[in-house]
């Protein structure tokens, strides 16, 4: 089934940040209902197929694999402030035995040098280094999501007919789509 122009726009916007709610808003859906509409759109097999197709094209074009992404997330997730020290010149350095990849976990470094001149002519120099690591919680969430550790919660209210235990995810999504379409048709008939 072909996507509507707004669904196509949703797919494009979803690929920006993988945030269904924000993609809905940017695609022109109701801001008030975006938290509900986003997951519904992601549940549609046509939308999901379009997302997967475009993600595959992008991965091929950029030559970035899922393994590359996971390796970068691992650097962020395993980052630790004890991986860093100051060298003899007061510069931020890696602690002994820490792999070079740990540098990729550093998001910013501020280096201040303060000099104090004493009456006897001596000068004391103090190095202040402030550094930040990339968001560890965000990287952990992305890694967990990628590895399937965070499952999307879908709430259902209403009567379920028949045994669904043997159904595949795709079959369940198709049933959910059919249910949403019937519900939308009933609402439009009743004028809601």
N, C-alpha and C. Protein backbone atom coordinates (compact mmCIF):
# COMPACT_ATOMS: atom_id res chain seq x y z
N UNK A 1 0.83 -1.18 0.00
CA UNK A 1 0.00 0.00 0.00
C UNK A 1 0.88 1.25 0.00
N UNK A 2 0.58 2.19 -0.88
CA UNK A 2 1.37 3.42 -1.01
C UNK A 2 1.16 4.32 0.19
N UNK A 3 2.19 5.06 0.54
CA UNK A 3 2.10 6.00 1.65
C UNK A 3 1.48 7.30 1.18
N UNK A 4 0.82 7.98 2.09
CA UNK A 4 0.30 9.31 1.79
C UNK A 4 1.49 10.27 1.78
N UNK A 5 1.33 11.45 1.18
CA UNK A 5 2.44 12.42 1.21
C UNK A 5 2.89 12.76 2.63
N UNK A 6 1.96 12.86 3.56
CA UNK A 6 2.34 13.19 4.93
C UNK A 6 3.08 12.02 5.59
N UNK A 7 2.68 10.79 5.27
CA UNK A 7 3.41 9.63 5.80
C UNK A 7 4.83 9.58 5.22
N UNK A 8 4.96 9.91 3.94
CA UNK A 8 6.29 9.96 3.33
C UNK A 8 7.15 11.01 4.03
N UNK A 9 6.55 12.15 4.32
CA UNK A 9 7.28 13.22 5.03
C UNK A 9 7.67 12.75 6.43
N UNK A 10 6.76 12.03 7.09
CA UNK A 10 7.06 11.48 8.42
C UNK A 10 8.30 10.58 8.34
N UNK A 11 8.35 9.71 7.33
CA UNK A 11 9.48 8.79 7.16
C UNK A 11 10.77 9.59 7.04
N UNK A 12 10.76 10.62 6.19
CA UNK A 12 11.96 11.45 6.00
C UNK A 12 12.36 12.13 7.31
N UNK A 13 11.37 12.67 8.03
CA UNK A 13 11.66 13.36 9.28
C UNK A 13 12.10 12.40 10.37
N UNK A 14 11.56 11.20 10.36
CA UNK A 14 11.94 10.20 11.36
C UNK A 14 13.42 9.84 11.22
N UNK A 15 13.92 9.82 10.00
CA UNK A 15 15.32 9.48 9.78
C UNK A 15 16.28 10.55 10.30
N UNK A 16 15.78 11.74 10.57
CA UNK A 16 16.63 12.82 11.09
C UNK A 16 17.15 12.46 12.48
N UNK A 17 16.25 12.04 13.39
CA UNK A 17 16.65 11.80 14.77
C UNK A 17 16.03 10.56 15.40
N UNK A 18 15.28 9.79 14.61
CA UNK A 18 14.60 8.58 15.08
C UNK A 18 13.65 8.86 16.24
N UNK A 19 13.08 10.06 16.25
CA UNK A 19 12.12 10.45 17.28
C UNK A 19 10.76 10.56 16.60
N UNK A 20 9.88 9.60 16.87
CA UNK A 20 8.59 9.54 16.19
C UNK A 20 7.72 10.75 16.50
N UNK A 21 7.73 11.20 17.74
CA UNK A 21 6.89 12.35 18.12
C UNK A 21 7.33 13.60 17.37
N UNK A 22 8.63 13.89 17.39
CA UNK A 22 9.13 15.08 16.71
C UNK A 22 8.96 14.97 15.20
N UNK A 23 9.13 13.76 14.66
CA UNK A 23 8.94 13.55 13.23
C UNK A 23 7.50 13.85 12.84
N UNK A 24 6.56 13.45 13.69
CA UNK A 24 5.13 13.75 13.45
C UNK A 24 4.89 15.25 13.37
N UNK A 25 5.42 15.96 14.32
CA UNK A 25 5.22 17.41 14.38
C UNK A 25 5.82 18.06 13.14
N UNK A 26 7.07 17.68 12.79
CA UNK A 26 7.72 18.26 11.63
C UNK A 26 7.02 17.89 10.32
N UNK A 27 6.33 16.74 10.31
CA UNK A 27 5.63 16.30 9.10
C UNK A 27 4.24 16.94 8.99
N UNK A 28 3.84 17.70 10.00
CA UNK A 28 2.57 18.42 9.91
C UNK A 28 1.41 17.78 10.64
N UNK A 29 1.66 16.73 11.41
CA UNK A 29 0.59 16.14 12.21
C UNK A 29 0.33 17.01 13.43
N UNK A 30 -0.78 16.79 14.09
CA UNK A 30 -1.17 17.55 15.27
C UNK A 30 -0.12 17.42 16.37
N UNK A 31 0.35 18.55 16.86
CA UNK A 31 1.34 18.54 17.94
C UNK A 31 0.75 17.91 19.20
N UNK A 32 -0.53 18.17 19.43
CA UNK A 32 -1.20 17.66 20.62
C UNK A 32 -1.28 16.13 20.61
N UNK A 33 -1.44 15.54 19.44
CA UNK A 33 -1.59 14.08 19.34
C UNK A 33 -0.34 13.37 18.83
N UNK A 34 0.76 14.09 18.70
CA UNK A 34 1.98 13.52 18.10
C UNK A 34 2.51 12.32 18.88
N UNK A 35 2.38 12.34 20.21
CA UNK A 35 2.89 11.21 20.99
C UNK A 35 2.08 9.94 20.73
N UNK A 36 0.87 10.08 20.30
CA UNK A 36 0.02 8.93 19.98
C UNK A 36 0.19 8.53 18.50
N UNK A 37 0.23 9.52 17.62
CA UNK A 37 0.28 9.25 16.19
C UNK A 37 1.63 8.65 15.78
N UNK A 38 2.72 9.13 16.38
CA UNK A 38 4.06 8.64 16.03
C UNK A 38 4.18 7.13 16.12
N UNK A 39 3.89 6.55 17.30
CA UNK A 39 3.97 5.09 17.40
C UNK A 39 3.00 4.37 16.47
N UNK A 40 1.83 4.96 16.24
CA UNK A 40 0.88 4.35 15.31
C UNK A 40 1.47 4.28 13.90
N UNK A 41 2.12 5.37 13.49
CA UNK A 41 2.74 5.37 12.16
C UNK A 41 3.87 4.34 12.08
N UNK A 42 4.67 4.26 13.14
CA UNK A 42 5.76 3.28 13.16
C UNK A 42 5.22 1.85 13.12
N UNK A 43 3.99 1.65 13.58
CA UNK A 43 3.38 0.33 13.56
C UNK A 43 2.84 -0.09 12.21
N UNK A 44 2.76 0.85 11.29
CA UNK A 44 2.25 0.53 9.94
C UNK A 44 3.36 -0.13 9.13
N UNK A 45 3.04 -1.26 8.53
CA UNK A 45 4.06 -2.02 7.80
C UNK A 45 4.62 -1.22 6.62
N UNK A 46 3.80 -0.43 5.95
CA UNK A 46 4.29 0.36 4.82
C UNK A 46 5.28 1.42 5.27
N UNK A 47 4.99 2.08 6.39
CA UNK A 47 5.89 3.11 6.94
C UNK A 47 7.19 2.45 7.39
N UNK A 48 7.07 1.32 8.09
CA UNK A 48 8.25 0.62 8.58
C UNK A 48 9.13 0.15 7.42
N UNK A 49 8.50 -0.34 6.36
CA UNK A 49 9.26 -0.80 5.18
C UNK A 49 9.99 0.37 4.53
N UNK A 50 9.34 1.52 4.43
CA UNK A 50 9.97 2.71 3.84
C UNK A 50 11.16 3.16 4.69
N UNK A 51 11.00 3.13 6.01
CA UNK A 51 12.09 3.52 6.91
C UNK A 51 13.27 2.57 6.73
N UNK A 52 13.01 1.28 6.73
CA UNK A 52 14.08 0.29 6.59
C UNK A 52 14.79 0.43 5.24
N UNK A 53 14.01 0.67 4.19
CA UNK A 53 14.60 0.83 2.85
C UNK A 53 15.52 2.04 2.82
N UNK A 54 15.06 3.17 3.34
CA UNK A 54 15.87 4.39 3.32
C UNK A 54 17.08 4.29 4.25
N UNK A 55 16.93 3.58 5.35
CA UNK A 55 18.07 3.39 6.25
C UNK A 55 19.14 2.53 5.56
N UNK A 56 18.72 1.53 4.83
CA UNK A 56 19.68 0.68 4.11
C UNK A 56 20.41 1.48 3.04
N UNK A 57 19.67 2.34 2.33
CA UNK A 57 20.29 3.19 1.30
C UNK A 57 21.29 4.13 1.95
N UNK A 58 20.91 4.73 3.06
CA UNK A 58 21.81 5.66 3.75
C UNK A 58 23.06 4.93 4.26
N UNK A 59 22.88 3.75 4.82
CA UNK A 59 24.03 2.99 5.34
C UNK A 59 24.99 2.65 4.21
N UNK A 60 24.45 2.28 3.06
CA UNK A 60 25.31 1.97 1.91
C UNK A 60 26.02 3.22 1.40
N UNK A 61 25.28 4.33 1.34
CA UNK A 61 25.85 5.58 0.84
C UNK A 61 26.96 6.10 1.75
N UNK A 62 26.75 6.03 3.05
CA UNK A 62 27.74 6.57 4.00
C UNK A 62 28.81 5.56 4.37
N UNK A 63 28.59 4.30 4.00
CA UNK A 63 29.51 3.23 4.31
C UNK A 63 29.71 3.09 5.82
N UNK A 64 28.65 3.34 6.57
CA UNK A 64 28.68 3.16 8.02
C UNK A 64 27.79 1.97 8.35
N UNK A 65 28.37 1.03 9.06
CA UNK A 65 27.62 -0.17 9.41
C UNK A 65 27.07 -0.06 10.83
N UNK A 66 26.16 -0.95 11.16
CA UNK A 66 25.63 -1.00 12.52
C UNK A 66 26.76 -1.29 13.51
N UNK A 67 27.71 -2.11 13.09
CA UNK A 67 28.85 -2.40 13.96
C UNK A 67 29.67 -1.14 14.25
N UNK A 68 29.83 -0.28 13.25
CA UNK A 68 30.55 0.99 13.46
C UNK A 68 29.85 1.82 14.53
N UNK A 69 28.54 1.90 14.43
CA UNK A 69 27.76 2.69 15.39
C UNK A 69 27.90 2.11 16.79
N UNK A 70 27.77 0.80 16.90
CA UNK A 70 27.89 0.15 18.21
C UNK A 70 29.28 0.36 18.79
N UNK A 71 30.32 0.27 17.97
CA UNK A 71 31.69 0.50 18.47
C UNK A 71 31.82 1.91 19.06
N UNK A 72 31.24 2.90 18.39
CA UNK A 72 31.30 4.27 18.91
C UNK A 72 30.51 4.39 20.21
N UNK A 73 29.34 3.77 20.25
CA UNK A 73 28.53 3.82 21.47
C UNK A 73 29.27 3.15 22.63
N UNK A 74 29.99 2.07 22.34
CA UNK A 74 30.76 1.39 23.39
C UNK A 74 31.80 2.32 23.98
N UNK A 75 32.45 3.13 23.14
CA UNK A 75 33.44 4.09 23.64
C UNK A 75 32.76 5.06 24.61
N UNK A 76 31.56 5.54 24.26
CA UNK A 76 30.85 6.49 25.12
C UNK A 76 30.39 5.82 26.42
N UNK A 77 29.83 4.62 26.28
CA UNK A 77 29.27 3.91 27.43
C UNK A 77 30.36 3.53 28.43
N UNK A 78 31.53 3.17 27.95
CA UNK A 78 32.61 2.72 28.84
C UNK A 78 33.54 3.86 29.26
N UNK A 79 33.23 5.08 28.84
CA UNK A 79 34.09 6.21 29.21
C UNK A 79 34.05 6.42 30.73
N UNK A 80 35.16 6.93 31.24
CA UNK A 80 35.28 7.14 32.67
C UNK A 80 36.27 8.27 32.89
N UNK A 81 35.99 9.15 33.82
CA UNK A 81 36.90 10.27 34.07
C UNK A 81 38.28 9.81 34.50
N UNK A 82 38.37 8.62 35.06
CA UNK A 82 39.69 8.12 35.48
C UNK A 82 40.56 7.70 34.30
N UNK A 83 40.01 7.73 33.08
CA UNK A 83 40.80 7.43 31.88
C UNK A 83 41.71 8.59 31.50
N UNK A 84 41.56 9.73 32.17
CA UNK A 84 42.26 10.95 31.78
C UNK A 84 43.06 11.49 32.95
N UNK A 85 44.17 12.15 32.59
CA UNK A 85 45.05 12.74 33.59
C UNK A 85 45.67 13.99 32.96
N UNK A 86 46.47 14.70 33.72
CA UNK A 86 47.21 15.84 33.18
C UNK A 86 48.67 15.43 33.02
N UNK A 87 49.26 15.81 31.88
CA UNK A 87 50.67 15.49 31.65
C UNK A 87 51.55 16.54 32.31
N UNK A 88 52.85 16.44 32.12
CA UNK A 88 53.82 17.35 32.76
C UNK A 88 53.61 18.80 32.33
N UNK A 89 53.00 19.03 31.16
CA UNK A 89 52.76 20.39 30.68
C UNK A 89 51.38 20.92 31.09
N UNK A 90 50.65 20.15 31.86
CA UNK A 90 49.32 20.58 32.29
C UNK A 90 48.24 20.33 31.24
N UNK A 91 48.54 19.52 30.24
CA UNK A 91 47.58 19.21 29.18
C UNK A 91 46.82 17.93 29.51
N UNK A 92 45.59 17.85 29.06
CA UNK A 92 44.81 16.63 29.24
C UNK A 92 45.48 15.49 28.47
N UNK A 93 45.62 14.35 29.13
CA UNK A 93 46.27 13.18 28.52
C UNK A 93 45.52 11.93 28.94
N UNK A 94 45.77 10.86 28.21
CA UNK A 94 45.19 9.57 28.58
C UNK A 94 46.01 8.94 29.70
N UNK A 95 45.36 8.33 30.65
CA UNK A 95 46.06 7.62 31.72
C UNK A 95 46.76 6.40 31.12
N UNK A 96 47.71 5.89 31.84
CA UNK A 96 48.49 4.74 31.37
C UNK A 96 47.57 3.56 31.09
N UNK A 97 47.78 2.94 29.93
CA UNK A 97 47.04 1.75 29.56
C UNK A 97 45.67 1.99 28.95
N UNK A 98 45.25 3.25 28.85
CA UNK A 98 43.93 3.55 28.27
C UNK A 98 44.08 3.64 26.75
N UNK A 99 43.20 2.97 26.00
CA UNK A 99 43.32 2.98 24.53
C UNK A 99 43.06 4.37 23.94
N UNK A 100 43.68 4.63 22.80
CA UNK A 100 43.51 5.91 22.09
C UNK A 100 42.05 6.23 21.79
N UNK A 101 41.23 5.20 21.61
CA UNK A 101 39.81 5.42 21.30
C UNK A 101 39.10 6.21 22.38
N UNK A 102 39.64 6.25 23.59
CA UNK A 102 39.01 6.98 24.69
C UNK A 102 38.91 8.48 24.39
N UNK A 103 39.78 8.98 23.50
CA UNK A 103 39.69 10.40 23.13
C UNK A 103 38.33 10.72 22.50
N UNK A 104 37.73 9.75 21.82
CA UNK A 104 36.45 9.99 21.15
C UNK A 104 35.31 10.20 22.13
N UNK A 105 35.51 9.88 23.39
CA UNK A 105 34.48 10.09 24.41
C UNK A 105 34.51 11.52 24.96
N UNK A 106 35.56 12.28 24.63
CA UNK A 106 35.69 13.66 25.13
C UNK A 106 34.93 14.60 24.20
N UNK A 107 33.99 15.36 24.77
CA UNK A 107 33.21 16.29 23.94
C UNK A 107 33.80 17.69 23.95
N UNK A 108 34.47 18.08 25.05
CA UNK A 108 35.08 19.42 25.08
C UNK A 108 36.17 19.48 26.14
N UNK A 109 37.12 20.40 25.92
CA UNK A 109 38.21 20.63 26.87
C UNK A 109 38.41 22.14 26.99
N UNK A 110 38.44 22.62 28.23
CA UNK A 110 38.77 24.03 28.50
C UNK A 110 40.07 24.03 29.31
N UNK A 111 41.00 24.81 28.83
CA UNK A 111 42.31 24.85 29.46
C UNK A 111 42.61 26.29 29.85
N UNK A 112 42.82 26.53 31.13
CA UNK A 112 43.15 27.87 31.63
C UNK A 112 44.50 27.80 32.32
N UNK A 113 45.33 28.79 32.02
CA UNK A 113 46.64 28.89 32.67
C UNK A 113 46.63 30.18 33.49
N UNK A 114 46.90 30.03 34.78
CA UNK A 114 46.98 31.21 35.66
C UNK A 114 48.40 31.33 36.19
N UNK A 115 48.92 32.52 36.06
CA UNK A 115 50.27 32.77 36.57
C UNK A 115 50.20 33.80 37.68
N UNK A 116 50.94 33.53 38.74
CA UNK A 116 51.02 34.45 39.86
C UNK A 116 52.47 34.85 40.03
N UNK A 117 52.73 36.17 39.94
CA UNK A 117 54.10 36.67 40.09
C UNK A 117 54.29 37.13 41.54
N UNK A 118 55.32 36.62 42.17
CA UNK A 118 55.59 36.95 43.57
C UNK A 118 56.58 38.11 43.65
N UNK A 119 56.68 38.73 44.81
CA UNK A 119 57.56 39.88 45.01
C UNK A 119 59.03 39.54 44.75
N UNK A 120 59.39 38.30 45.02
CA UNK A 120 60.79 37.91 44.82
C UNK A 120 61.10 37.61 43.35
N UNK A 121 60.11 37.80 42.46
CA UNK A 121 60.33 37.61 41.03
C UNK A 121 59.97 36.23 40.51
N UNK A 122 59.66 35.33 41.42
CA UNK A 122 59.29 33.98 40.96
C UNK A 122 57.84 34.00 40.47
N UNK A 123 57.59 33.08 39.58
CA UNK A 123 56.24 32.98 39.01
C UNK A 123 55.73 31.56 39.22
N UNK A 124 54.55 31.47 39.78
CA UNK A 124 53.88 30.17 39.90
C UNK A 124 52.84 30.08 38.79
N UNK A 125 52.85 28.96 38.11
CA UNK A 125 51.88 28.75 37.03
C UNK A 125 50.97 27.60 37.43
N UNK A 126 49.67 27.84 37.31
CA UNK A 126 48.70 26.80 37.64
C UNK A 126 47.87 26.50 36.39
N UNK A 127 47.75 25.23 36.10
CA UNK A 127 46.95 24.78 34.95
C UNK A 127 45.61 24.26 35.46
N UNK A 128 44.54 24.84 34.96
CA UNK A 128 43.19 24.35 35.26
C UNK A 128 42.63 23.76 33.98
N UNK A 129 42.26 22.51 34.06
CA UNK A 129 41.69 21.84 32.90
C UNK A 129 40.31 21.33 33.28
N UNK A 130 39.36 21.69 32.45
CA UNK A 130 37.99 21.22 32.63
C UNK A 130 37.60 20.49 31.35
N UNK A 131 37.11 19.27 31.48
CA UNK A 131 36.70 18.54 30.29
C UNK A 131 35.36 17.86 30.52
N UNK A 132 34.67 17.63 29.42
CA UNK A 132 33.36 16.96 29.47
C UNK A 132 33.42 15.75 28.56
N UNK A 133 32.73 14.71 29.00
CA UNK A 133 32.56 13.52 28.17
C UNK A 133 31.20 13.58 27.52
N UNK A 134 31.04 12.86 26.42
CA UNK A 134 29.74 12.80 25.77
C UNK A 134 28.74 12.16 26.71
N UNK A 135 27.48 12.39 26.47
CA UNK A 135 26.38 11.92 27.30
C UNK A 135 26.36 10.39 27.42
N UNK A 136 26.76 9.90 28.57
CA UNK A 136 26.84 8.46 28.80
C UNK A 136 25.45 7.82 28.87
N UNK A 137 24.52 8.49 29.52
CA UNK A 137 23.16 7.96 29.64
C UNK A 137 22.52 7.85 28.26
N UNK A 138 22.67 8.89 27.45
CA UNK A 138 22.11 8.87 26.10
C UNK A 138 22.74 7.77 25.25
N UNK A 139 24.06 7.63 25.35
CA UNK A 139 24.75 6.58 24.59
C UNK A 139 24.31 5.20 25.07
N UNK A 140 24.14 5.05 26.38
CA UNK A 140 23.68 3.76 26.92
C UNK A 140 22.28 3.43 26.42
N UNK A 141 21.42 4.44 26.39
CA UNK A 141 20.05 4.23 25.92
C UNK A 141 20.06 3.82 24.44
N UNK A 142 20.85 4.51 23.63
CA UNK A 142 20.94 4.18 22.20
C UNK A 142 21.47 2.76 21.99
N UNK A 143 22.51 2.40 22.76
CA UNK A 143 23.07 1.05 22.63
C UNK A 143 22.04 0.00 23.04
N UNK A 144 21.36 0.24 24.16
CA UNK A 144 20.34 -0.71 24.63
C UNK A 144 19.20 -0.83 23.62
N UNK A 145 18.80 0.31 23.06
CA UNK A 145 17.73 0.31 22.07
C UNK A 145 18.17 -0.48 20.84
N UNK A 146 19.38 -0.25 20.40
CA UNK A 146 19.90 -0.94 19.21
C UNK A 146 19.98 -2.45 19.44
N UNK A 147 20.32 -2.85 20.66
CA UNK A 147 20.46 -4.26 20.97
C UNK A 147 19.14 -4.93 21.36
N UNK A 148 18.04 -4.16 21.30
CA UNK A 148 16.72 -4.71 21.61
C UNK A 148 16.46 -4.86 23.10
N UNK A 149 17.21 -4.15 23.92
CA UNK A 149 17.03 -4.26 25.36
C UNK A 149 15.90 -3.37 25.88
N UNK A 150 15.52 -2.37 25.09
CA UNK A 150 14.41 -1.50 25.46
C UNK A 150 13.25 -1.82 24.54
N UNK A 151 12.23 -2.38 25.09
CA UNK A 151 11.08 -2.75 24.30
C UNK A 151 10.03 -1.65 24.37
N UNK A 152 9.43 -1.38 23.24
CA UNK A 152 8.39 -0.37 23.17
C UNK A 152 7.14 -0.93 23.82
N UNK A 153 6.53 -0.15 24.72
CA UNK A 153 5.33 -0.59 25.41
C UNK A 153 4.12 -0.16 24.58
N UNK A 154 3.28 -1.13 24.27
CA UNK A 154 2.06 -0.84 23.52
C UNK A 154 0.89 -1.22 24.41
N UNK A 155 0.04 -0.25 24.69
CA UNK A 155 -1.13 -0.52 25.52
C UNK A 155 -2.32 -0.78 24.62
N UNK A 156 -3.16 -1.70 25.06
CA UNK A 156 -4.34 -2.05 24.28
C UNK A 156 -5.52 -2.12 25.22
N UNK A 157 -6.60 -1.53 24.81
CA UNK A 157 -7.82 -1.68 25.58
C UNK A 157 -8.90 -2.13 24.60
N UNK A 158 -9.67 -3.05 25.00
CA UNK A 158 -10.71 -3.57 24.13
C UNK A 158 -10.65 -5.08 24.09
N UNK A 159 -11.57 -5.64 23.38
CA UNK A 159 -11.72 -7.09 23.30
C UNK A 159 -10.82 -7.66 22.21
N UNK A 160 -10.10 -8.69 22.54
CA UNK A 160 -9.27 -9.39 21.56
C UNK A 160 -9.95 -10.71 21.27
N UNK A 161 -10.19 -10.95 20.00
CA UNK A 161 -10.86 -12.18 19.61
C UNK A 161 -9.84 -13.14 19.02
N UNK A 162 -9.88 -14.37 19.46
CA UNK A 162 -9.01 -15.39 18.91
C UNK A 162 -7.67 -15.48 19.63
N UNK A 163 -6.94 -16.52 19.32
CA UNK A 163 -5.63 -16.77 19.92
C UNK A 163 -4.56 -16.05 19.10
N UNK A 164 -3.82 -15.15 19.73
CA UNK A 164 -2.78 -14.39 19.04
C UNK A 164 -1.38 -14.93 19.32
N UNK A 165 -1.28 -15.96 20.14
CA UNK A 165 0.03 -16.43 20.59
C UNK A 165 0.92 -16.94 19.46
N UNK A 166 0.35 -17.46 18.38
CA UNK A 166 1.18 -17.97 17.31
C UNK A 166 1.48 -16.97 16.22
N UNK A 167 1.03 -15.73 16.37
CA UNK A 167 1.18 -14.72 15.33
C UNK A 167 2.58 -14.12 15.37
N UNK A 168 3.09 -13.77 14.18
CA UNK A 168 4.37 -13.07 14.09
C UNK A 168 4.14 -11.59 14.38
N UNK A 169 5.22 -10.87 14.61
CA UNK A 169 5.11 -9.43 14.87
C UNK A 169 4.43 -8.73 13.69
N UNK A 170 4.81 -9.12 12.48
CA UNK A 170 4.22 -8.50 11.29
C UNK A 170 2.71 -8.75 11.23
N UNK A 171 2.30 -9.97 11.54
CA UNK A 171 0.87 -10.29 11.54
C UNK A 171 0.13 -9.49 12.60
N UNK A 172 0.74 -9.35 13.77
CA UNK A 172 0.12 -8.55 14.84
C UNK A 172 0.03 -7.08 14.43
N UNK A 173 1.06 -6.56 13.75
CA UNK A 173 1.02 -5.18 13.28
C UNK A 173 -0.09 -4.99 12.25
N UNK A 174 -0.26 -5.98 11.37
CA UNK A 174 -1.33 -5.90 10.37
C UNK A 174 -2.70 -5.90 11.05
N UNK A 175 -2.87 -6.74 12.08
CA UNK A 175 -4.12 -6.75 12.84
C UNK A 175 -4.35 -5.40 13.52
N UNK A 176 -3.29 -4.84 14.09
CA UNK A 176 -3.41 -3.55 14.75
C UNK A 176 -3.78 -2.46 13.75
N UNK A 177 -3.16 -2.49 12.55
CA UNK A 177 -3.51 -1.53 11.50
C UNK A 177 -4.98 -1.64 11.12
N UNK A 178 -5.45 -2.87 10.94
CA UNK A 178 -6.85 -3.09 10.58
C UNK A 178 -7.77 -2.57 11.67
N UNK A 179 -7.41 -2.82 12.92
CA UNK A 179 -8.20 -2.32 14.05
C UNK A 179 -8.25 -0.80 14.04
N UNK A 180 -7.10 -0.14 13.84
CA UNK A 180 -7.06 1.33 13.83
C UNK A 180 -7.90 1.88 12.68
N UNK A 181 -7.85 1.22 11.54
CA UNK A 181 -8.64 1.68 10.39
C UNK A 181 -10.13 1.55 10.67
N UNK A 182 -10.55 0.42 11.29
CA UNK A 182 -11.96 0.26 11.63
C UNK A 182 -12.39 1.30 12.65
N UNK A 183 -11.54 1.56 13.63
CA UNK A 183 -11.86 2.55 14.66
C UNK A 183 -11.97 3.94 14.04
N UNK A 184 -11.05 4.29 13.15
CA UNK A 184 -11.09 5.60 12.48
C UNK A 184 -12.35 5.73 11.64
N UNK A 185 -12.72 4.64 10.95
CA UNK A 185 -13.94 4.68 10.12
C UNK A 185 -15.17 4.87 11.00
N UNK A 186 -15.22 4.18 12.16
CA UNK A 186 -16.37 4.36 13.07
C UNK A 186 -16.43 5.79 13.60
N UNK A 187 -15.26 6.35 13.91
CA UNK A 187 -15.23 7.72 14.43
C UNK A 187 -15.69 8.72 13.38
N UNK A 188 -15.27 8.52 12.13
CA UNK A 188 -15.68 9.46 11.09
C UNK A 188 -17.16 9.32 10.79
N UNK A 189 -17.70 8.11 10.90
CA UNK A 189 -19.15 7.93 10.69
C UNK A 189 -19.96 8.58 11.79
N UNK A 190 -19.43 8.56 13.02
CA UNK A 190 -20.16 9.16 14.14
C UNK A 190 -19.92 10.65 14.26
N UNK A 191 -18.99 11.17 13.45
CA UNK A 191 -18.74 12.61 13.42
C UNK A 191 -17.78 13.10 14.48
N UNK A 192 -17.03 12.20 15.13
CA UNK A 192 -16.04 12.59 16.15
C UNK A 192 -14.80 13.13 15.52
